[in-house]
Amino acid sequence: MTPKLLEIRDRGTHVPALAVSIDGSDGYLARRAGFQSRMIYLIMLSGQVAHYDPFAWGGSTGRTMGTAHRWIEEHFDELADGQVVDVQFILGETNQPKVSEQVTHPL
């Protein structure tokens, strides 16, 4: 099991998230829960909403979380902990990915 904290961004949207790569090699409980092949469990840290199916995100989070989730699945091994996942950039709506709010709005 490999966790990564990510900053998911979209138009006017900032979602602190935890992505966890999990599969059957993580043990009996993972296999018992249905994680035979690798899946990415994506958790919105502030909203306490989680899905392992990228197509399960609906409602007001569908575009942002669904797009980010599919992209994270494809690029999980390349992602660094704390990296920005910019939905507008992924969809080709902007020419450059957003910079982390940690840089632009530090706490």
C-alpha atoms as a PDB file:
ATOM      1  CA  MET A   1       0.000   0.000   0.000  1.00  0.00           C
ATOM      2  CA  THR A   2       1.448   3.333  -1.039  1.00  0.00           C
ATOM      3  CA  PRO A   3      -0.108   6.640   0.121  1.00  0.00           C
ATOM      4  CA  LYS A   4       0.480  10.067  -1.432  1.00  0.00           C
ATOM      5  CA  LEU A   5      -0.918  13.409  -0.321  1.00  0.00           C
ATOM      6  CA  LEU A   6      -1.985  15.477  -3.340  1.00  0.00           C
ATOM      7  CA  GLU A   7      -3.320  18.960  -4.044  1.00  0.00           C
ATOM      8  CA  ILE A   8      -6.154  18.674  -6.571  1.00  0.00           C
ATOM      9  CA  ARG A   9      -6.915  21.943  -8.340  1.00  0.00           C
ATOM     10  CA  ASP A  10      -9.534  23.148 -10.843  1.00  0.00           C
ATOM     11  CA  ARG A  11     -11.278  26.453 -11.551  1.00  0.00           C
ATOM     12  CA  GLY A  12     -11.587  28.040  -8.119  1.00  0.00           C
ATOM     13  CA  THR A  13     -11.142  24.635  -6.492  1.00  0.00           C
ATOM     14  CA  HIS A  14      -8.559  23.348  -4.040  1.00  0.00           C
ATOM     15  CA  VAL A  15      -8.956  19.802  -2.688  1.00  0.00           C
ATOM     16  CA  PRO A  16      -6.445  18.333  -0.237  1.00  0.00           C
ATOM     17  CA  ALA A  17      -6.523  14.616  -1.009  1.00  0.00           C
ATOM     18  CA  LEU A  18      -4.952  11.310  -0.103  1.00  0.00           C
ATOM     19  CA  ALA A  19      -4.409   8.769  -2.885  1.00  0.00           C
ATOM     20  CA  VAL A  20      -3.616   5.218  -1.836  1.00  0.00           C
ATOM     21  CA  SER A  21      -2.433   2.564  -4.268  1.00  0.00           C
ATOM     22  CA  ILE A  22      -3.744  -0.806  -3.057  1.00  0.00           C
ATOM     23  CA  ASP A  23      -3.870  -4.305  -4.526  1.00  0.00           C
ATOM     24  CA  GLY A  24      -4.076  -7.955  -3.530  1.00  0.00           C
ATOM     25  CA  SER A  25      -0.404  -8.110  -2.618  1.00  0.00           C
ATOM     26  CA  ASP A  26      -1.232  -5.877   0.366  1.00  0.00           C
ATOM     27  CA  GLY A  27      -2.645  -8.895   2.168  1.00  0.00           C
ATOM     28  CA  TYR A  28      -5.739 -10.843   3.014  1.00  0.00           C
ATOM     29  CA  LEU A  29      -7.893  -7.866   4.016  1.00  0.00           C
ATOM     30  CA  ALA A  30      -7.171  -6.026   0.759  1.00  0.00           C
ATOM     31  CA  ARG A  31      -8.044  -9.158  -1.238  1.00  0.00           C
ATOM     32  CA  ARG A  32     -11.137  -9.768   0.909  1.00  0.00           C
ATOM     33  CA  ALA A  33     -12.282  -6.205   0.157  1.00  0.00           C
ATOM     34  CA  GLY A  34     -11.963  -6.876  -3.587  1.00  0.00           C
ATOM     35  CA  PHE A  35      -8.605  -5.258  -4.314  1.00  0.00           C
ATOM     36  CA  GLN A  36      -7.137  -8.007  -6.489  1.00  0.00           C
ATOM     37  CA  SER A  37      -5.508  -5.776  -9.091  1.00  0.00           C
ATOM     38  CA  ARG A  38      -4.165  -2.297  -8.349  1.00  0.00           C
ATOM     39  CA  MET A  39      -6.700   0.409  -7.628  1.00  0.00           C
ATOM     40  CA  ILE A  40      -6.298   3.947  -6.414  1.00  0.00           C
ATOM     41  CA  TYR A  41      -8.401   4.823  -3.394  1.00  0.00           C
ATOM     42  CA  LEU A  42      -8.879   8.617  -3.516  1.00  0.00           C
ATOM     43  CA  ILE A  43      -9.987  10.432  -0.385  1.00  0.00           C
ATOM     44  CA  MET A  44     -11.025  14.093  -0.117  1.00  0.00           C
ATOM     45  CA  LEU A  45      -9.446  14.966   3.218  1.00  0.00           C
ATOM     46  CA  SER A  46     -11.725  17.902   4.034  1.00  0.00           C
ATOM     47  CA  GLY A  47     -14.949  16.328   2.789  1.00  0.00           C
ATOM     48  CA  GLN A  48     -14.402  12.781   4.049  1.00  0.00           C
ATOM     49  CA  VAL A  49     -15.582  11.388   0.726  1.00  0.00           C
ATOM     50  CA  ALA A  50     -13.672   8.489  -0.840  1.00  0.00           C
ATOM     51  CA  HIS A  51     -13.916   6.303  -3.943  1.00  0.00           C
ATOM     52  CA  TYR A  52     -11.798   3.671  -5.638  1.00  0.00           C
ATOM     53  CA  ASP A  53     -13.900   3.911  -8.825  1.00  0.00           C
ATOM     54  CA  PRO A  54     -12.986   7.116 -10.708  1.00  0.00           C
ATOM     55  CA  PHE A  55     -16.413   7.108 -12.351  1.00  0.00           C
ATOM     56  CA  ALA A  56     -18.235   7.134  -8.989  1.00  0.00           C
ATOM     57  CA  TRP A  57     -17.574  10.837  -8.394  1.00  0.00           C
ATOM     58  CA  GLY A  58     -20.756  12.702  -9.175  1.00  0.00           C
ATOM     59  CA  GLY A  59     -22.599  15.875  -8.408  1.00  0.00           C
ATOM     60  CA  SER A  60     -20.570  19.022  -7.938  1.00  0.00           C
ATOM     61  CA  THR A  61     -17.291  17.060  -7.595  1.00  0.00           C
ATOM     62  CA  GLY A  62     -17.702  14.933 -10.730  1.00  0.00           C
ATOM     63  CA  ARG A  63     -15.604  16.937 -13.167  1.00  0.00           C
ATOM     64  CA  THR A  64     -12.794  17.758 -10.761  1.00  0.00           C
ATOM     65  CA  MET A  65     -12.492  14.521  -8.820  1.00  0.00           C
ATOM     66  CA  GLY A  66     -13.370  12.158 -11.667  1.00  0.00           C
ATOM     67  CA  THR A  67     -10.830  13.732 -14.024  1.00  0.00           C
ATOM     68  CA  ALA A  68      -8.164  13.904 -11.322  1.00  0.00           C
ATOM     69  CA  HIS A  69      -8.822  10.316 -10.211  1.00  0.00           C
ATOM     70  CA  ARG A  70      -8.456   8.896 -13.737  1.00  0.00           C
ATOM     71  CA  TRP A  71      -5.252  10.897 -14.264  1.00  0.00           C
ATOM     72  CA  ILE A  72      -3.842   9.829 -10.890  1.00  0.00           C
ATOM     73  CA  GLU A  73      -4.491   6.174 -11.778  1.00  0.00           C
ATOM     74  CA  GLU A  74      -2.495   6.562 -14.991  1.00  0.00           C
ATOM     75  CA  HIS A  75       0.387   8.514 -13.406  1.00  0.00           C
ATOM     76  CA  PHE A  76       0.487   7.322  -9.778  1.00  0.00           C
ATOM     77  CA  ASP A  77       4.053   6.021  -9.870  1.00  0.00           C
ATOM     78  CA  GLU A  78       5.320   9.338 -11.292  1.00  0.00           C
ATOM     79  CA  LEU A  79       3.600  11.511  -8.675  1.00  0.00           C
ATOM     80  CA  ALA A  80       5.513  13.053  -5.795  1.00  0.00           C
ATOM     81  CA  ASP A  81       3.973  13.445  -2.369  1.00  0.00           C
ATOM     82  CA  GLY A  82       2.383  16.922  -2.210  1.00  0.00           C
ATOM     83  CA  GLN A  83       2.180  17.335  -5.984  1.00  0.00           C
ATOM     84  CA  VAL A  84      -0.479  19.482  -7.659  1.00  0.00           C
ATOM     85  CA  VAL A  85      -2.940  17.657  -9.935  1.00  0.00           C
ATOM     86  CA  ASP A  86      -4.399  20.431 -12.123  1.00  0.00           C
ATOM     87  CA  VAL A  87      -7.642  19.423 -13.848  1.00  0.00           C
ATOM     88  CA  GLN A  88      -7.724  22.461 -16.143  1.00  0.00           C
ATOM     89  CA  PHE A  89      -4.211  21.630 -17.363  1.00  0.00           C
ATOM     90  CA  ILE A  90      -5.088  17.932 -17.788  1.00  0.00           C
ATOM     91  CA  LEU A  91      -8.104  18.907 -19.927  1.00  0.00           C
ATOM     92  CA  GLY A  92      -6.014  21.327 -22.019  1.00  0.00           C
ATOM     93  CA  GLU A  93      -7.877  24.414 -20.801  1.00  0.00           C
ATOM     94  CA  THR A  94      -4.651  26.079 -19.619  1.00  0.00           C
ATOM     95  CA  ASN A  95      -1.100  26.020 -20.956  1.00  0.00           C
ATOM     96  CA  GLN A  96       0.661  25.654 -17.594  1.00  0.00           C
ATOM     97  CA  PRO A  97      -0.203  23.681 -14.483  1.00  0.00           C
ATOM     98  CA  LYS A  98      -1.119  25.623 -11.371  1.00  0.00           C
ATOM     99  CA  VAL A  99       1.449  26.221  -8.662  1.00  0.00           C
ATOM    100  CA  SER A 100       0.739  24.815  -5.217  1.00  0.00           C
ATOM    101  CA  GLU A 101      -1.220  27.048  -2.871  1.00  0.00           C
ATOM    102  CA  GLN A 102       1.513  26.209  -0.390  1.00  0.00           C
ATOM    103  CA  VAL A 103       3.657  28.596  -2.439  1.00  0.00           C
ATOM    104  CA  THR A 104       1.028  31.231  -3.251  1.00  0.00           C
ATOM    105  CA  HIS A 105      -0.938  31.171   0.050  1.00  0.00           C
ATOM    106  CA  PRO A 106       1.259  29.655   2.801  1.00  0.00           C
ATOM    107  CA  LEU A 107      -0.377  29.053   6.175  1.00  0.00           C
END
